[in-house]
Amino acid sequence: MVRLLLAIVLAATFATASGVAAQDGGGRKGAKQSAIKVGKDEKLCNYRFPSGERRQWVCKKVEPCCAWDAINYVKCGSTITGCF
């Protein structure tokens, strides 16, 4: 029974990881990605992680662009607390 449970957990883990990779565009270098539309009062944030991965996202002009290398995470910060 423990082996069956372990097999189910491993299968779910691999299924989730492959689904995330498919959503990310496959990670192919040089592949064209769709252009990000930036509206009024918005800015385009760009960041390259130490691993070489590049991310782009849109924030409001008054919000800082925040990125954390340790967990490969990006987001828009707050006007009050910044990237905290």
PDB file of N, CA and C in Angstrom:
ATOM      1  N   MET A   1       0.818  -1.188   0.000  1.00  0.00           N
ATOM      2  CA  MET A   1       0.000   0.000   0.000  1.00  0.00           C
ATOM      3  C   MET A   1       0.866   1.259   0.000  1.00  0.00           C
ATOM      4  N   VAL A   2       1.980   1.203   0.716  1.00  0.00           N
ATOM      5  CA  VAL A   2       2.887   2.345   0.741  1.00  0.00           C
ATOM      6  C   VAL A   2       3.466   2.577  -0.650  1.00  0.00           C
ATOM      7  N   ARG A   3       3.799   1.509  -1.348  1.00  0.00           N
ATOM      8  CA  ARG A   3       4.335   1.635  -2.702  1.00  0.00           C
ATOM      9  C   ARG A   3       3.305   2.254  -3.646  1.00  0.00           C
ATOM     10  N   LEU A   4       2.061   1.853  -3.509  1.00  0.00           N
ATOM     11  CA  LEU A   4       1.004   2.413  -4.348  1.00  0.00           C
ATOM     12  C   LEU A   4       0.852   3.909  -4.085  1.00  0.00           C
ATOM     13  N   LEU A   5       0.848   4.303  -2.841  1.00  0.00           N
ATOM     14  CA  LEU A   5       0.734   5.721  -2.479  1.00  0.00           C
ATOM     15  C   LEU A   5       1.926   6.513  -3.009  1.00  0.00           C
ATOM     16  N   LEU A   6       3.122   5.950  -2.868  1.00  0.00           N
ATOM     17  CA  LEU A   6       4.321   6.608  -3.379  1.00  0.00           C
ATOM     18  C   LEU A   6       4.260   6.757  -4.901  1.00  0.00           C
ATOM     19  N   ALA A   7       3.780   5.730  -5.594  1.00  0.00           N
ATOM     20  CA  ALA A   7       3.660   5.792  -7.044  1.00  0.00           C
ATOM     21  C   ALA A   7       2.664   6.872  -7.475  1.00  0.00           C
ATOM     22  N   ILE A   8       1.568   7.001  -6.753  1.00  0.00           N
ATOM     23  CA  ILE A   8       0.563   8.025  -7.079  1.00  0.00           C
ATOM     24  C   ILE A   8       1.131   9.417  -6.861  1.00  0.00           C
ATOM     25  N   VAL A   9       1.842   9.615  -5.753  1.00  0.00           N
ATOM     26  CA  VAL A   9       2.430  10.925  -5.459  1.00  0.00           C
ATOM     27  C   VAL A   9       3.467  11.296  -6.515  1.00  0.00           C
ATOM     28  N   LEU A  10       4.326  10.362  -6.893  1.00  0.00           N
ATOM     29  CA  LEU A  10       5.334  10.631  -7.917  1.00  0.00           C
ATOM     30  C   LEU A  10       4.690  10.935  -9.271  1.00  0.00           C
ATOM     31  N   ALA A  11       3.651  10.191  -9.628  1.00  0.00           N
ATOM     32  CA  ALA A  11       2.971  10.439 -10.900  1.00  0.00           C
ATOM     33  C   ALA A  11       2.334  11.824 -10.908  1.00  0.00           C
ATOM     34  N   ALA A  12       1.731  12.212  -9.803  1.00  0.00           N
ATOM     35  CA  ALA A  12       1.112  13.538  -9.717  1.00  0.00           C
ATOM     36  C   ALA A  12       2.168  14.634  -9.799  1.00  0.00           C
ATOM     37  N   THR A  13       3.313  14.405  -9.180  1.00  0.00           N
ATOM     38  CA  THR A  13       4.395  15.390  -9.211  1.00  0.00           C
ATOM     39  C   THR A  13       4.901  15.593 -10.632  1.00  0.00           C
ATOM     40  N   PHE A  14       5.131  14.517 -11.348  1.00  0.00           N
ATOM     41  CA  PHE A  14       5.628  14.629 -12.713  1.00  0.00           C
ATOM     42  C   PHE A  14       4.573  15.221 -13.640  1.00  0.00           C
ATOM     43  N   ALA A  15       3.316  14.897 -13.429  1.00  0.00           N
ATOM     44  CA  ALA A  15       2.250  15.455 -14.261  1.00  0.00           C
ATOM     45  C   ALA A  15       2.154  16.961 -14.054  1.00  0.00           C
ATOM     46  N   THR A  16       2.280  17.407 -12.819  1.00  0.00           N
ATOM     47  CA  THR A  16       2.221  18.834 -12.520  1.00  0.00           C
ATOM     48  C   THR A  16       3.426  19.550 -13.104  1.00  0.00           C
ATOM     49  N   ALA A  17       4.608  18.989 -12.987  1.00  0.00           N
ATOM     50  CA  ALA A  17       5.821  19.624 -13.505  1.00  0.00           C
ATOM     51  C   ALA A  17       5.760  19.746 -15.030  1.00  0.00           C
ATOM     52  N   SER A  18       5.253  18.738 -15.707  1.00  0.00           N
ATOM     53  CA  SER A  18       5.173  18.822 -17.169  1.00  0.00           C
ATOM     54  C   SER A  18       4.107  19.821 -17.590  1.00  0.00           C
ATOM     55  N   GLY A  19       3.040  19.961 -16.814  1.00  0.00           N
ATOM     56  CA  GLY A  19       2.006  20.949 -17.123  1.00  0.00           C
ATOM     57  C   GLY A  19       2.530  22.362 -16.981  1.00  0.00           C
ATOM     58  N   VAL A  20       3.346  22.610 -15.969  1.00  0.00           N
ATOM     59  CA  VAL A  20       3.935  23.929 -15.765  1.00  0.00           C
ATOM     60  C   VAL A  20       4.909  24.244 -16.890  1.00  0.00           C
ATOM     61  N   ALA A  21       5.701  23.279 -17.307  1.00  0.00           N
ATOM     62  CA  ALA A  21       6.653  23.500 -18.391  1.00  0.00           C
ATOM     63  C   ALA A  21       5.921  23.796 -19.698  1.00  0.00           C
ATOM     64  N   ALA A  22       4.787  23.161 -19.919  1.00  0.00           N
ATOM     65  CA  ALA A  22       4.024  23.413 -21.132  1.00  0.00           C
ATOM     66  C   ALA A  22       3.441  24.820 -21.125  1.00  0.00           C
ATOM     67  N   GLN A  23       3.029  25.302 -19.963  1.00  0.00           N
ATOM     68  CA  GLN A  23       2.482  26.647 -19.865  1.00  0.00           C
ATOM     69  C   GLN A  23       3.569  27.688 -20.033  1.00  0.00           C
ATOM     70  N   ASP A  24       4.789  27.358 -19.655  1.00  0.00           N
ATOM     71  CA  ASP A  24       5.893  28.303 -19.695  1.00  0.00           C
ATOM     72  C   ASP A  24       6.432  28.498 -21.113  1.00  0.00           C
ATOM     73  N   GLY A  25       5.940  27.734 -22.060  1.00  0.00           N
ATOM     74  CA  GLY A  25       6.414  27.871 -23.432  1.00  0.00           C
ATOM     75  C   GLY A  25       7.489  26.865 -23.757  1.00  0.00           C
ATOM     76  N   GLY A  26       7.697  25.879 -22.902  1.00  0.00           N
ATOM     77  CA  GLY A  26       8.655  24.829 -23.185  1.00  0.00           C
ATOM     78  C   GLY A  26      10.085  25.182 -22.855  1.00  0.00           C
ATOM     79  N   GLY A  27      10.380  26.402 -22.522  1.00  0.00           N
ATOM     80  CA  GLY A  27      11.732  26.783 -22.155  1.00  0.00           C
ATOM     81  C   GLY A  27      12.711  26.802 -23.304  1.00  0.00           C
ATOM     82  N   ARG A  28      12.216  26.861 -24.522  1.00  0.00           N
ATOM     83  CA  ARG A  28      13.115  26.877 -25.673  1.00  0.00           C
ATOM     84  C   ARG A  28      13.721  28.256 -25.841  1.00  0.00           C
ATOM     85  N   LYS A  29      15.015  28.291 -26.059  1.00  0.00           N
ATOM     86  CA  LYS A  29      15.678  29.569 -26.297  1.00  0.00           C
ATOM     87  C   LYS A  29      15.411  30.005 -27.723  1.00  0.00           C
ATOM     88  N   GLY A  30      15.201  31.299 -27.895  1.00  0.00           N
ATOM     89  CA  GLY A  30      14.984  31.840 -29.218  1.00  0.00           C
ATOM     90  C   GLY A  30      13.554  31.708 -29.699  1.00  0.00           C
ATOM     91  N   ALA A  31      12.682  31.075 -28.921  1.00  0.00           N
ATOM     92  CA  ALA A  31      11.296  30.944 -29.333  1.00  0.00           C
ATOM     93  C   ALA A  31      10.595  32.281 -29.154  1.00  0.00           C
ATOM     94  N   LYS A  32       9.805  32.664 -30.136  1.00  0.00           N
ATOM     95  CA  LYS A  32       9.096  33.939 -30.039  1.00  0.00           C
ATOM     96  C   LYS A  32       7.929  33.788 -29.082  1.00  0.00           C
ATOM     97  N   GLN A  33       7.809  34.737 -28.184  1.00  0.00           N
ATOM     98  CA  GLN A  33       6.699  34.747 -27.254  1.00  0.00           C
ATOM     99  C   GLN A  33       5.765  35.872 -27.649  1.00  0.00           C
ATOM    100  N   SER A  34       4.510  35.765 -27.228  1.00  0.00           N
ATOM    101  CA  SER A  34       3.550  36.803 -27.584  1.00  0.00           C
ATOM    102  C   SER A  34       3.941  38.113 -26.911  1.00  0.00           C
ATOM    103  N   ALA A  35       3.678  39.205 -27.596  1.00  0.00           N
ATOM    104  CA  ALA A  35       4.031  40.526 -27.082  1.00  0.00           C
ATOM    105  C   ALA A  35       3.114  40.876 -25.909  1.00  0.00           C
ATOM    106  N   ILE A  36       3.679  41.480 -24.899  1.00  0.00           N
ATOM    107  CA  ILE A  36       2.911  41.892 -23.733  1.00  0.00           C
ATOM    108  C   ILE A  36       2.355  43.281 -24.000  1.00  0.00           C
ATOM    109  N   LYS A  37       1.066  43.432 -23.795  1.00  0.00           N
ATOM    110  CA  LYS A  37       0.403  44.712 -24.023  1.00  0.00           C
ATOM    111  C   LYS A  37       0.491  45.547 -22.754  1.00  0.00           C
ATOM    112  N   VAL A  38       0.991  46.757 -22.880  1.00  0.00           N
ATOM    113  CA  VAL A  38       1.116  47.672 -21.747  1.00  0.00           C
ATOM    114  C   VAL A  38       0.130  48.812 -21.958  1.00  0.00           C
ATOM    115  N   GLY A  39      -0.766  48.977 -21.002  1.00  0.00           N
ATOM    116  CA  GLY A  39      -1.780  50.011 -21.106  1.00  0.00           C
ATOM    117  C   GLY A  39      -1.324  51.324 -20.482  1.00  0.00           C
ATOM    118  N   LYS A  40      -2.250  52.259 -20.458  1.00  0.00           N
ATOM    119  CA  LYS A  40      -1.974  53.561 -19.864  1.00  0.00           C
ATOM    120  C   LYS A  40      -1.769  53.375 -18.363  1.00  0.00           C
ATOM    121  N   ASP A  41      -0.845  54.102 -17.794  1.00  0.00           N
ATOM    122  CA  ASP A  41      -0.490  54.031 -16.362  1.00  0.00           C
ATOM    123  C   ASP A  41       0.059  52.662 -15.978  1.00  0.00           C
ATOM    124  N   GLU A  42       0.675  51.946 -16.919  1.00  0.00           N
ATOM    125  CA  GLU A  42       1.327  50.670 -16.645  1.00  0.00           C
ATOM    126  C   GLU A  42       2.750  50.711 -17.190  1.00  0.00           C
ATOM    127  N   LYS A  43       3.589  49.832 -16.666  1.00  0.00           N
ATOM    128  CA  LYS A  43       4.964  49.723 -17.162  1.00  0.00           C
ATOM    129  C   LYS A  43       5.330  48.264 -17.325  1.00  0.00           C
ATOM    130  N   LEU A  44       6.268  48.013 -18.204  1.00  0.00           N
ATOM    131  CA  LEU A  44       6.743  46.659 -18.451  1.00  0.00           C
ATOM    132  C   LEU A  44       7.966  46.408 -17.584  1.00  0.00           C
ATOM    133  N   CYS A  45       7.921  45.367 -16.783  1.00  0.00           N
ATOM    134  CA  CYS A  45       9.036  44.999 -15.918  1.00  0.00           C
ATOM    135  C   CYS A  45       9.788  43.837 -16.558  1.00  0.00           C
ATOM    136  N   ASN A  46      11.105  43.927 -16.592  1.00  0.00           N
ATOM    137  CA  ASN A  46      11.968  42.880 -17.143  1.00  0.00           C
ATOM    138  C   ASN A  46      12.946  42.446 -16.075  1.00  0.00           C
ATOM    139  N   TYR A  47      13.215  41.140 -16.000  1.00  0.00           N
ATOM    140  CA  TYR A  47      14.213  40.659 -15.054  1.00  0.00           C
ATOM    141  C   TYR A  47      14.831  39.381 -15.591  1.00  0.00           C
ATOM    142  N   ARG A  48      16.132  39.254 -15.418  1.00  0.00           N
ATOM    143  CA  ARG A  48      16.835  38.028 -15.790  1.00  0.00           C
ATOM    144  C   ARG A  48      17.403  37.411 -14.520  1.00  0.00           C
ATOM    145  N   PHE A  49      16.976  36.181 -14.226  1.00  0.00           N
ATOM    146  CA  PHE A  49      17.455  35.461 -13.049  1.00  0.00           C
ATOM    147  C   PHE A  49      18.891  34.989 -13.272  1.00  0.00           C
ATOM    148  N   PRO A  50      19.627  34.706 -12.209  1.00  0.00           N
ATOM    149  CA  PRO A  50      21.006  34.204 -12.366  1.00  0.00           C
ATOM    150  C   PRO A  50      21.084  32.922 -13.195  1.00  0.00           C
ATOM    151  N   SER A  51      19.999  32.153 -13.234  1.00  0.00           N
ATOM    152  CA  SER A  51      19.983  30.924 -14.031  1.00  0.00           C
ATOM    153  C   SER A  51      19.894  31.219 -15.524  1.00  0.00           C
ATOM    154  N   GLY A  52      19.602  32.486 -15.882  1.00  0.00           N
ATOM    155  CA  GLY A  52      19.483  32.864 -17.279  1.00  0.00           C
ATOM    156  C   GLY A  52      18.042  33.017 -17.730  1.00  0.00           C
ATOM    157  N   GLU A  53      17.099  32.573 -16.903  1.00  0.00           N
ATOM    158  CA  GLU A  53      15.684  32.701 -17.248  1.00  0.00           C
ATOM    159  C   GLU A  53      15.274  34.169 -17.238  1.00  0.00           C
ATOM    160  N   ARG A  54      14.499  34.568 -18.241  1.00  0.00           N
ATOM    161  CA  ARG A  54      14.066  35.956 -18.358  1.00  0.00           C
ATOM    162  C   ARG A  54      12.558  36.029 -18.177  1.00  0.00           C
ATOM    163  N   ARG A  55      12.092  36.975 -17.375  1.00  0.00           N
ATOM    164  CA  ARG A  55      10.663  37.149 -17.152  1.00  0.00           C
ATOM    165  C   ARG A  55      10.263  38.586 -17.441  1.00  0.00           C
ATOM    166  N   GLN A  56       9.068  38.747 -17.956  1.00  0.00           N
ATOM    167  CA  GLN A  56       8.483  40.058 -18.195  1.00  0.00           C
ATOM    168  C   GLN A  56       7.084  40.053 -17.605  1.00  0.00           C
ATOM    169  N   TRP A  57       6.718  41.147 -16.941  1.00  0.00           N
ATOM    170  CA  TRP A  57       5.381  41.277 -16.394  1.00  0.00           C
ATOM    171  C   TRP A  57       5.014  42.745 -16.350  1.00  0.00           C
ATOM    172  N   VAL A  58       3.745  43.034 -16.160  1.00  0.00           N
ATOM    173  CA  VAL A  58       3.238  44.399 -16.206  1.00  0.00           C
ATOM    174  C   VAL A  58       2.806  44.831 -14.808  1.00  0.00           C
ATOM    175  N   CYS A  59       3.242  46.049 -14.419  1.00  0.00           N
ATOM    176  CA  CYS A  59       2.852  46.646 -13.142  1.00  0.00           C
ATOM    177  C   CYS A  59       2.312  48.043 -13.395  1.00  0.00           C
ATOM    178  N   LYS A  60       1.631  48.577 -12.408  1.00  0.00           N
ATOM    179  CA  LYS A  60       1.222  49.977 -12.476  1.00  0.00           C
ATOM    180  C   LYS A  60       2.475  50.840 -12.386  1.00  0.00           C
ATOM    181  N   LYS A  61       2.432  52.029 -12.943  1.00  0.00           N
ATOM    182  CA  LYS A  61       3.617  52.898 -12.952  1.00  0.00           C
ATOM    183  C   LYS A  61       4.092  53.258 -11.552  1.00  0.00           C
ATOM    184  N   VAL A  62       3.190  53.351 -10.588  1.00  0.00           N
ATOM    185  CA  VAL A  62       3.575  53.756  -9.239  1.00  0.00           C
ATOM    186  C   VAL A  62       4.098  52.589  -8.406  1.00  0.00           C
ATOM    187  N   GLU A  63       3.934  51.356  -8.876  1.00  0.00           N
ATOM    188  CA  GLU A  63       4.377  50.169  -8.136  1.00  0.00           C
ATOM    189  C   GLU A  63       5.775  49.744  -8.580  1.00  0.00           C
ATOM    190  N   PRO A  64       6.609  49.314  -7.634  1.00  0.00           N
ATOM    191  CA  PRO A  64       7.936  48.820  -8.017  1.00  0.00           C
ATOM    192  C   PRO A  64       7.857  47.403  -8.599  1.00  0.00           C
ATOM    193  N   CYS A  65       8.820  47.079  -9.456  1.00  0.00           N
ATOM    194  CA  CYS A  65       8.950  45.726  -9.986  1.00  0.00           C
ATOM    195  C   CYS A  65       9.802  44.923  -9.000  1.00  0.00           C
ATOM    196  N   CYS A  66       9.302  43.790  -8.543  1.00  0.00           N
ATOM    197  CA  CYS A  66       9.995  43.003  -7.523  1.00  0.00           C
ATOM    198  C   CYS A  66      10.335  41.613  -8.051  1.00  0.00           C
ATOM    199  N   ALA A  67      11.538  41.134  -7.726  1.00  0.00           N
ATOM    200  CA  ALA A  67      11.965  39.795  -8.128  1.00  0.00           C
ATOM    201  C   ALA A  67      12.782  39.171  -7.011  1.00  0.00           C
ATOM    202  N   TRP A  68      12.573  37.886  -6.754  1.00  0.00           N
ATOM    203  CA  TRP A  68      13.316  37.142  -5.742  1.00  0.00           C
ATOM    204  C   TRP A  68      14.043  35.986  -6.424  1.00  0.00           C
ATOM    205  N   ASP A  69      15.379  36.033  -6.375  1.00  0.00           N
ATOM    206  CA  ASP A  69      16.198  35.008  -7.020  1.00  0.00           C
ATOM    207  C   ASP A  69      16.058  33.648  -6.349  1.00  0.00           C
ATOM    208  N   ALA A  70      15.938  33.630  -5.028  1.00  0.00           N
ATOM    209  CA  ALA A  70      15.936  32.370  -4.286  1.00  0.00           C
ATOM    210  C   ALA A  70      14.772  31.464  -4.675  1.00  0.00           C
ATOM    211  N   ILE A  71      13.633  32.053  -4.996  1.00  0.00           N
ATOM    212  CA  ILE A  71      12.458  31.235  -5.319  1.00  0.00           C
ATOM    213  C   ILE A  71      11.947  31.466  -6.741  1.00  0.00           C
ATOM    214  N   ASN A  72      12.717  32.156  -7.568  1.00  0.00           N
ATOM    215  CA  ASN A  72      12.339  32.440  -8.965  1.00  0.00           C
ATOM    216  C   ASN A  72      10.922  33.006  -9.040  1.00  0.00           C
ATOM    217  N   TYR A  73      10.699  34.114  -8.349  1.00  0.00           N
ATOM    218  CA  TYR A  73       9.373  34.705  -8.249  1.00  0.00           C
ATOM    219  C   TYR A  73       9.433  36.190  -8.568  1.00  0.00           C
ATOM    220  N   VAL A  74       8.463  36.664  -9.315  1.00  0.00           N
ATOM    221  CA  VAL A  74       8.362  38.087  -9.627  1.00  0.00           C
ATOM    222  C   VAL A  74       6.950  38.559  -9.317  1.00  0.00           C
ATOM    223  N   LYS A  75       6.824  39.837  -8.962  1.00  0.00           N
ATOM    224  CA  LYS A  75       5.513  40.428  -8.727  1.00  0.00           C
ATOM    225  C   LYS A  75       5.629  41.935  -8.682  1.00  0.00           C
ATOM    226  N   CYS A  76       4.499  42.597  -8.631  1.00  0.00           N
ATOM    227  CA  CYS A  76       4.457  44.041  -8.455  1.00  0.00           C
ATOM    228  C   CYS A  76       4.408  44.333  -6.964  1.00  0.00           C
ATOM    229  N   GLY A  77       5.210  45.289  -6.539  1.00  0.00           N
ATOM    230  CA  GLY A  77       5.256  45.634  -5.128  1.00  0.00           C
ATOM    231  C   GLY A  77       4.150  46.584  -4.732  1.00  0.00           C
ATOM    232  N   SER A  78       4.251  47.075  -3.531  1.00  0.00           N
ATOM    233  CA  SER A  78       3.271  48.004  -2.990  1.00  0.00           C
ATOM    234  C   SER A  78       3.868  49.401  -2.933  1.00  0.00           C
ATOM    235  N   THR A  79       3.031  50.390  -3.063  1.00  0.00           N
ATOM    236  CA  THR A  79       3.525  51.768  -2.951  1.00  0.00           C
ATOM    237  C   THR A  79       3.917  52.091  -1.516  1.00  0.00           C
ATOM    238  N   ILE A  80       3.396  51.354  -0.550  1.00  0.00           N
ATOM    239  CA  ILE A  80       3.682  51.618   0.861  1.00  0.00           C
ATOM    240  C   ILE A  80       4.883  50.810   1.341  1.00  0.00           C
ATOM    241  N   THR A  81       4.877  49.504   1.095  1.00  0.00           N
ATOM    242  CA  THR A  81       5.934  48.633   1.635  1.00  0.00           C
ATOM    243  C   THR A  81       7.016  48.284   0.622  1.00  0.00           C
ATOM    244  N   GLY A  82       6.864  48.705  -0.615  1.00  0.00           N
ATOM    245  CA  GLY A  82       7.854  48.376  -1.636  1.00  0.00           C
ATOM    246  C   GLY A  82       7.787  46.899  -1.999  1.00  0.00           C
ATOM    247  N   CYS A  83       8.929  46.248  -2.012  1.00  0.00           N
ATOM    248  CA  CYS A  83       8.991  44.818  -2.377  1.00  0.00           C
ATOM    249  C   CYS A  83       8.964  43.904  -1.158  1.00  0.00           C
ATOM    250  N   PHE A  84       8.658  44.442   0.004  1.00  0.00           N
ATOM    251  CA  PHE A  84       8.646  43.630   1.216  1.00  0.00           C
ATOM    252  C   PHE A  84       7.495  42.698   1.236  1.00  0.00           C
TER     253      PHE A  84
END
